[in-house]
Amino acid sequence: MNFKSTILSSAIIFALAGCGSSNDDAETTPQTSDKATFSLGISDAPVTGLKQVNVVFDSITIKAQEGEEVSFETRSKNDSTLAQMVNLLDYTGDDIFQLLDDQEVPAGDYSWIRAQVINGDTNNLSLTSHVVYEDGSIAPLIVKRKGNDGVGEIQLDGFTLNQTDNEFVLEFDLKKSLVDPQNNNEVFLKPRGVRLQNLSESQDIEGTVSQTLINNCETDNIGLAADDSSFGHAVYLYSAQAQTPTDIHEIDDQTPDNAPLATANVVFDADDNEYEFELAFITPGDYQLAYTCSAHIDDAEQIDADFNIYQLKQISLTQADDLSVNFDIAQ
């Protein structure tokens, strides 16, 4: 779908209490084995209709299960007085913008990670979060949270930092995250399409879609073509347990079992003369992978009855290597 018309380091703060001491006033310093190194990158799966999706990250906070919080200011690599702006569309597939690098933190289990985002301000869009449409127009990008102080929060639950180097990525699936409400001059970014992935525990799924299959899908779905006769070609990743895979939607702010876990656009690579896709940072396991040419009618805010899957495959992703999948008519 055309996005505009349809959707739309670093201060470390923690106290370590002494333990096992016979002197009440004595504190012990954690041993090296109690420490972990934490790095965080940003990447995304894009949408159509936009030239830029600029998110301004003000800070990252992680909270240990014991209750301690560790916070990092995220400042521009060019100007340390400014929060770090990242155009998500510059870092698609397995490309990563390094937001935090080799930060020393306590090892162990963490309850959540929170990214604080400076919301778009029409009076200062150049330094706040915003999107740029293909026609050059600009709209503020807003992440909602309780309160109204110009800062939004993206919070994800549950992860572990081992006593080693830990490299994570926040993967933004913009098809699922971005919402452009009707009669509103703001675009909303919802946490539902954001995943936290440990790079040591993930692989990529990539592949091709044949020209013949694309032609057949468009012919069979000619009534769904956009006003300019275009289609939205994409692959959707589902749980192996999804009995009836559907489009992107939520029920009571939760992603249903039949909704996709991740998505990727199918794009034409002129060098290879073929249509390609890539789903990055996926946890190994069994899944279902689907090709559709009706992604352009998939509104993340509702169930779209006409959305359909043209070809569905059962796949298994192992820890050993990335997976290559090809969609063709001879399946």
Protein backbone atom coordinates (compact mmCIF):
# COMPACT_ATOMS: atom_id res chain seq x y z
CA MET A 1 0.00 0.00 0.00
CA ASN A 2 1.07 3.59 -0.33
CA PHE A 3 2.15 4.38 3.25
CA LYS A 4 1.08 7.98 3.20
CA SER A 5 -2.44 7.23 2.30
CA THR A 6 -3.08 4.09 4.28
CA ILE A 7 -0.83 3.81 7.42
CA LEU A 8 0.12 5.39 7.32
CA SER A 9 27.77 6.50 25.74
CA SER A 10 27.34 7.10 28.20
CA ALA A 11 26.49 7.29 31.92
CA ILE A 12 26.33 4.00 33.78
CA ILE A 13 24.16 4.20 36.87
CA PHE A 14 24.30 1.36 39.34
CA ALA A 15 25.31 0.55 42.95
CA LEU A 16 26.80 -2.76 43.96
CA ALA A 17 26.31 -3.78 47.56
CA GLY A 18 29.04 -5.63 49.44
CA CYS A 19 28.38 -9.24 50.36
CA GLY A 20 30.06 -11.92 52.41
CA SER A 21 31.99 -9.37 54.50
CA SER A 22 32.52 -9.58 58.23
CA ASN A 23 32.77 -5.77 58.37
CA ASP A 24 29.41 -4.03 58.05
CA ASP A 25 31.11 -0.99 56.51
CA ALA A 26 33.07 -2.96 53.93
CA GLU A 27 31.99 -3.30 50.33
CA THR A 28 33.30 -5.79 47.85
CA THR A 29 34.04 -4.97 44.24
CA PRO A 30 32.52 -7.36 41.69
CA GLN A 31 34.98 -9.73 40.11
CA THR A 32 35.58 -9.69 36.37
CA SER A 33 33.52 -12.89 36.10
CA ASP A 34 30.47 -10.91 37.30
CA LYS A 35 30.71 -8.55 34.37
CA ALA A 36 29.40 -8.60 30.84
CA THR A 37 30.00 -6.46 27.77
CA PHE A 38 26.86 -5.12 26.11
CA SER A 39 26.53 -3.74 22.57
CA LEU A 40 23.32 -2.66 20.88
CA GLY A 41 22.62 -2.02 17.21
CA ILE A 42 19.62 -0.77 15.26
CA SER A 43 18.20 -2.29 12.08
CA ASP A 44 14.86 -2.47 10.30
CA ALA A 45 12.56 -4.14 7.82
CA PRO A 46 11.18 -1.29 5.70
CA VAL A 47 7.84 -0.17 4.33
CA THR A 48 7.01 1.46 1.01
CA GLY A 49 6.00 5.06 0.58
CA LEU A 50 8.72 6.60 2.75
CA LYS A 51 12.20 7.95 2.03
CA GLN A 52 13.25 8.36 5.67
CA VAL A 53 12.15 7.14 9.09
CA ASN A 54 14.24 9.21 11.51
CA VAL A 55 14.16 8.06 15.14
CA VAL A 56 15.98 10.16 17.75
CA PHE A 57 17.30 7.93 20.55
CA ASP A 58 17.90 9.85 23.80
CA SER A 59 18.92 6.96 26.07
CA ILE A 60 18.88 3.21 26.61
CA THR A 61 18.08 1.70 30.03
CA ILE A 62 18.27 -1.95 31.06
CA LYS A 63 16.83 -3.28 34.32
CA ALA A 64 18.23 -6.31 36.12
CA GLN A 65 15.80 -8.71 37.73
CA GLU A 66 17.31 -7.74 41.10
CA GLY A 67 16.03 -4.24 40.51
CA GLU A 68 19.17 -2.36 39.47
CA GLU A 69 19.01 -0.16 36.39
CA VAL A 70 21.85 0.68 34.03
CA SER A 71 21.35 3.70 31.76
CA PHE A 72 23.28 4.99 28.77
CA GLU A 73 22.88 8.35 27.09
CA THR A 74 22.99 7.94 23.34
CA ARG A 75 24.64 10.95 21.74
CA SER A 76 25.34 11.86 18.15
CA LYS A 77 28.68 10.69 16.82
CA ASN A 78 29.04 14.11 15.18
CA ASP A 79 27.85 16.32 18.06
CA SER A 80 27.92 15.03 21.65
CA THR A 81 25.37 17.64 22.71
CA LEU A 82 22.68 16.07 20.54
CA ALA A 83 20.72 12.85 20.91
CA GLN A 84 21.45 10.24 18.24
CA MET A 85 19.19 10.35 15.20
CA VAL A 86 19.01 7.17 13.09
CA ASN A 87 17.30 6.91 9.73
CA LEU A 88 16.03 3.34 9.98
CA LEU A 89 15.77 3.01 6.21
CA ASP A 90 19.57 3.31 5.95
CA TYR A 91 19.94 0.07 7.92
CA THR A 92 17.75 -2.60 6.38
CA GLY A 93 18.17 -6.36 6.24
CA ASP A 94 21.26 -7.32 8.23
CA ASP A 95 22.81 -3.82 8.09
CA ILE A 96 23.24 -2.36 11.59
CA PHE A 97 23.75 1.10 13.08
CA GLN A 98 25.83 0.68 16.26
CA LEU A 99 24.05 2.63 19.00
CA LEU A 100 26.03 1.28 22.00
CA ASP A 101 29.41 -0.43 21.82
CA ASP A 102 31.14 -2.62 24.44
CA GLN A 103 29.50 -1.18 27.56
CA GLU A 104 30.51 -2.96 30.80
CA VAL A 105 27.51 -4.04 32.87
CA PRO A 106 26.68 -6.72 35.46
CA ALA A 107 26.05 -10.14 33.94
CA GLY A 108 22.77 -11.91 34.58
CA ASP A 109 19.09 -11.85 33.78
CA TYR A 110 17.38 -8.58 32.91
CA SER A 111 13.69 -7.79 33.18
CA TRP A 112 13.54 -5.27 30.35
CA ILE A 113 15.29 -2.90 28.00
CA ARG A 114 13.87 0.55 27.31
CA ALA A 115 14.69 2.96 24.52
CA GLN A 116 13.72 6.57 25.17
CA VAL A 117 12.85 8.41 21.97
CA ILE A 118 12.53 12.16 21.46
CA ASN A 119 9.16 12.53 19.80
CA GLY A 120 8.61 14.64 16.74
CA ASP A 121 7.99 18.32 17.27
CA THR A 122 6.60 20.37 14.40
CA ASN A 123 8.57 23.38 15.70
CA ASN A 124 11.87 21.48 15.53
CA LEU A 125 11.56 18.51 13.18
CA SER A 126 15.23 18.56 12.17
CA LEU A 127 16.28 17.47 15.69
CA THR A 128 13.28 15.34 16.65
CA SER A 129 11.82 12.11 15.29
CA HIS A 130 10.09 12.39 11.91
CA VAL A 131 9.31 10.65 8.64
CA VAL A 132 9.86 11.90 5.10
CA TYR A 133 7.45 10.74 2.42
CA GLU A 134 8.45 10.04 -1.16
CA ASP A 135 7.00 13.38 -2.24
CA GLY A 136 9.27 15.19 0.24
CA SER A 137 6.61 16.08 2.80
CA ILE A 138 7.47 15.59 6.48
CA ALA A 139 5.45 14.46 9.49
CA PRO A 140 6.35 14.12 13.19
CA LEU A 141 7.02 10.58 14.41
CA ILE A 142 5.53 9.82 17.83
CA VAL A 143 6.11 6.97 20.28
CA LYS A 144 3.32 6.99 22.83
CA ARG A 145 3.76 6.52 26.58
CA LYS A 146 2.13 7.67 29.79
CA GLY A 147 2.64 11.38 30.29
CA ASN A 148 3.19 14.04 27.69
CA ASP A 149 6.72 15.40 28.01
CA GLY A 150 7.88 14.91 24.44
CA VAL A 151 9.63 11.60 25.14
CA GLY A 152 8.36 8.20 24.06
CA GLU A 153 9.40 4.76 25.27
CA ILE A 154 9.92 1.44 23.55
CA GLN A 155 10.19 -1.30 26.18
CA LEU A 156 10.89 -4.97 25.52
CA ASP A 157 10.92 -7.66 28.19
CA GLY A 158 13.27 -10.44 29.23
CA PHE A 159 16.85 -11.10 28.14
CA THR A 160 20.14 -12.39 29.56
CA LEU A 161 23.64 -10.93 29.49
CA ASN A 162 26.26 -13.66 29.75
CA GLN A 163 29.74 -13.27 31.19
CA THR A 164 31.15 -12.51 27.77
CA ASP A 165 30.58 -10.11 24.87
CA ASN A 166 26.86 -9.67 24.23
CA GLU A 167 25.82 -8.17 20.90
CA PHE A 168 22.14 -7.35 20.49
CA VAL A 169 20.07 -5.59 17.85
CA LEU A 170 16.75 -3.78 18.02
CA GLU A 171 15.01 -4.84 14.83
CA PHE A 172 12.20 -2.52 13.70
CA ASP A 173 9.63 -4.19 11.44
CA LEU A 174 8.08 -1.01 10.08
CA LYS A 175 5.18 -2.77 8.36
CA LYS A 176 4.01 -3.76 11.83
CA SER A 177 5.12 -0.68 13.77
CA LEU A 178 4.13 2.38 11.76
CA VAL A 179 0.61 3.77 11.89
CA ASP A 180 -0.61 6.82 9.99
CA PRO A 181 -4.04 7.65 11.44
CA GLN A 182 -6.58 9.28 9.19
CA ASN A 183 -7.13 12.99 9.80
CA ASN A 184 -3.92 13.26 11.83
CA ASN A 185 -0.67 15.02 10.90
CA GLU A 186 1.44 12.67 13.06
CA VAL A 187 2.76 9.15 12.41
CA PHE A 188 2.90 6.74 15.32
CA LEU A 189 5.61 4.16 16.00
CA LYS A 190 4.32 1.23 18.06
CA PRO A 191 6.56 -1.23 19.94
CA ARG A 192 4.63 -4.21 18.57
CA GLY A 193 6.94 -4.45 15.55
CA VAL A 194 10.22 -4.15 17.48
CA ARG A 195 12.27 -7.21 18.43
CA LEU A 196 15.38 -7.57 20.61
CA GLN A 197 17.68 -10.20 19.15
CA ASN A 198 20.96 -11.67 20.41
CA LEU A 199 23.21 -11.83 17.35
CA SER A 200 24.93 -14.97 18.62
CA GLU A 201 21.53 -16.69 18.73
CA SER A 202 20.06 -15.67 15.39
CA GLN A 203 20.41 -16.29 11.67
CA ASP A 204 19.02 -14.81 8.45
CA ILE A 205 16.42 -16.15 6.04
CA GLU A 206 16.91 -14.96 2.49
CA GLY A 207 15.84 -16.04 -0.95
CA THR A 208 14.10 -15.26 -4.21
CA VAL A 209 10.64 -15.13 -5.76
CA SER A 210 10.38 -16.10 -9.41
CA GLN A 211 9.04 -13.67 -12.01
CA THR A 212 6.49 -16.27 -13.06
CA LEU A 213 5.10 -16.63 -9.55
CA ILE A 214 4.89 -12.84 -9.21
CA ASN A 215 3.02 -12.58 -12.52
CA ASN A 216 0.62 -15.34 -11.54
CA CYS A 217 -0.09 -13.77 -8.18
CA GLU A 218 -0.86 -10.41 -9.75
CA THR A 219 -3.12 -11.99 -12.37
CA ASP A 220 -5.04 -13.98 -9.78
CA ASN A 221 -5.43 -10.91 -7.58
CA ILE A 222 -6.04 -8.28 -10.23
CA GLY A 223 -8.99 -6.90 -8.30
CA LEU A 224 -6.70 -6.00 -5.40
CA ALA A 225 -4.32 -3.83 -7.43
CA ALA A 226 -3.64 -0.36 -6.09
CA ASP A 227 -4.89 2.72 -7.94
CA ASP A 228 -1.61 2.86 -9.87
CA SER A 229 -1.96 -0.87 -10.72
CA SER A 230 0.90 -1.82 -8.39
CA PHE A 231 1.03 -4.65 -5.86
CA GLY A 232 2.79 -5.16 -2.53
CA HIS A 233 5.15 -8.11 -2.82
CA ALA A 234 6.42 -9.40 0.53
CA VAL A 235 7.25 -12.47 2.57
CA TYR A 236 5.73 -13.03 6.00
CA LEU A 237 7.20 -15.26 8.72
CA TYR A 238 4.81 -17.20 10.94
CA SER A 239 5.06 -19.53 13.88
CA ALA A 240 5.02 -23.22 12.94
CA GLN A 241 1.90 -23.46 15.12
CA ALA A 242 -0.05 -20.82 13.22
CA GLN A 243 -3.02 -22.76 11.88
CA THR A 244 -4.46 -20.07 9.62
CA PRO A 245 -1.78 -17.46 8.83
CA THR A 246 -3.30 -14.01 8.41
CA ASP A 247 -2.29 -10.40 7.87
CA ILE A 248 -0.71 -8.02 10.40
CA HIS A 249 -3.15 -7.09 13.17
CA GLU A 250 -3.61 -7.00 16.93
CA ILE A 251 -6.29 -8.13 19.34
CA ASP A 252 -6.38 -6.23 22.64
CA ASP A 253 -2.89 -4.85 21.92
CA GLN A 254 -1.51 -8.37 21.54
CA THR A 255 -0.21 -10.09 18.40
CA PRO A 256 -2.38 -13.16 17.70
CA ASP A 257 -0.81 -16.56 17.05
CA ASN A 258 -1.85 -16.44 13.40
CA ALA A 259 -0.31 -13.01 12.72
CA PRO A 260 3.20 -12.73 11.26
CA LEU A 261 6.27 -12.63 13.48
CA ALA A 262 8.31 -10.67 10.93
CA THR A 263 8.01 -9.37 7.37
CA ALA A 264 10.28 -8.38 4.48
CA ASN A 265 9.70 -6.68 1.13
CA VAL A 266 10.42 -8.51 -2.10
CA VAL A 267 12.64 -6.20 -4.16
CA PHE A 268 14.18 -6.44 -7.60
CA ASP A 269 17.97 -6.73 -7.70
CA ALA A 270 19.13 -5.42 -11.08
CA ASP A 271 22.62 -6.90 -10.66
CA ASP A 272 21.28 -10.43 -10.17
CA ASN A 273 18.20 -9.85 -12.32
CA GLU A 274 15.89 -11.42 -9.77
CA TYR A 275 13.43 -10.62 -7.03
CA GLU A 276 14.95 -11.06 -3.58
CA PHE A 277 14.02 -10.83 0.10
CA GLU A 278 15.82 -11.02 3.44
CA LEU A 279 14.56 -11.60 6.98
CA ALA A 280 17.41 -10.83 9.38
CA PHE A 281 18.04 -11.71 13.02
CA ILE A 282 15.65 -14.66 13.36
CA THR A 283 15.90 -17.12 16.28
CA PRO A 284 16.52 -20.68 15.03
CA GLY A 285 13.46 -22.91 15.01
CA ASP A 286 10.60 -24.18 12.90
CA TYR A 287 8.47 -21.64 11.03
CA GLN A 288 6.12 -21.08 8.12
CA LEU A 289 7.21 -18.68 5.39
CA ALA A 290 4.67 -17.12 3.04
CA TYR A 291 4.78 -15.09 -0.17
CA THR A 292 2.03 -12.57 -0.90
CA CYS A 293 1.40 -9.88 -3.49
CA SER A 294 -1.33 -8.26 -1.37
CA ALA A 295 0.89 -6.62 1.26
CA HIS A 296 -0.19 -3.20 -0.04
CA ILE A 297 -3.67 -3.67 1.44
CA ASP A 298 -2.40 -4.89 4.82
CA ASP A 299 -3.38 -2.27 7.38
CA ALA A 300 -1.66 -3.10 10.68
CA GLU A 301 -4.59 -1.66 12.63
CA GLN A 302 -7.19 -4.10 11.40
CA ILE A 303 -7.87 -7.49 9.82
CA ASP A 304 -8.01 -7.13 6.05
CA ALA A 305 -10.41 -9.69 4.66
CA ASP A 306 -9.03 -9.55 1.11
CA PHE A 307 -5.41 -10.14 2.15
CA ASN A 308 -4.24 -13.56 1.04
CA ILE A 309 -1.16 -15.75 1.02
CA TYR A 310 -0.18 -17.02 -2.40
CA GLN A 311 2.40 -19.63 -1.41
CA LEU A 312 3.28 -21.09 1.99
CA LYS A 313 6.32 -23.15 2.96
CA GLN A 314 7.32 -25.05 6.09
CA ILE A 315 10.91 -24.16 7.00
CA SER A 316 13.47 -24.95 9.68
CA LEU A 317 16.20 -22.48 10.63
CA THR A 318 19.23 -23.91 12.41
CA GLN A 319 21.96 -22.24 14.44
CA ALA A 320 24.56 -23.52 11.99
CA ASP A 321 23.92 -21.18 9.07
CA ASP A 322 21.55 -18.81 7.26
CA LEU A 323 18.67 -20.33 5.31
CA SER A 324 17.95 -19.83 1.62
CA VAL A 325 14.35 -20.21 0.41
CA ASN A 326 13.08 -19.90 -3.16
CA PHE A 327 9.46 -19.33 -4.14
CA ASP A 328 8.53 -20.63 -7.60
CA ILE A 329 5.58 -22.20 -9.38
CA ALA A 330 7.11 -25.69 -9.40
CA GLN A 331 6.63 -26.28 -5.67
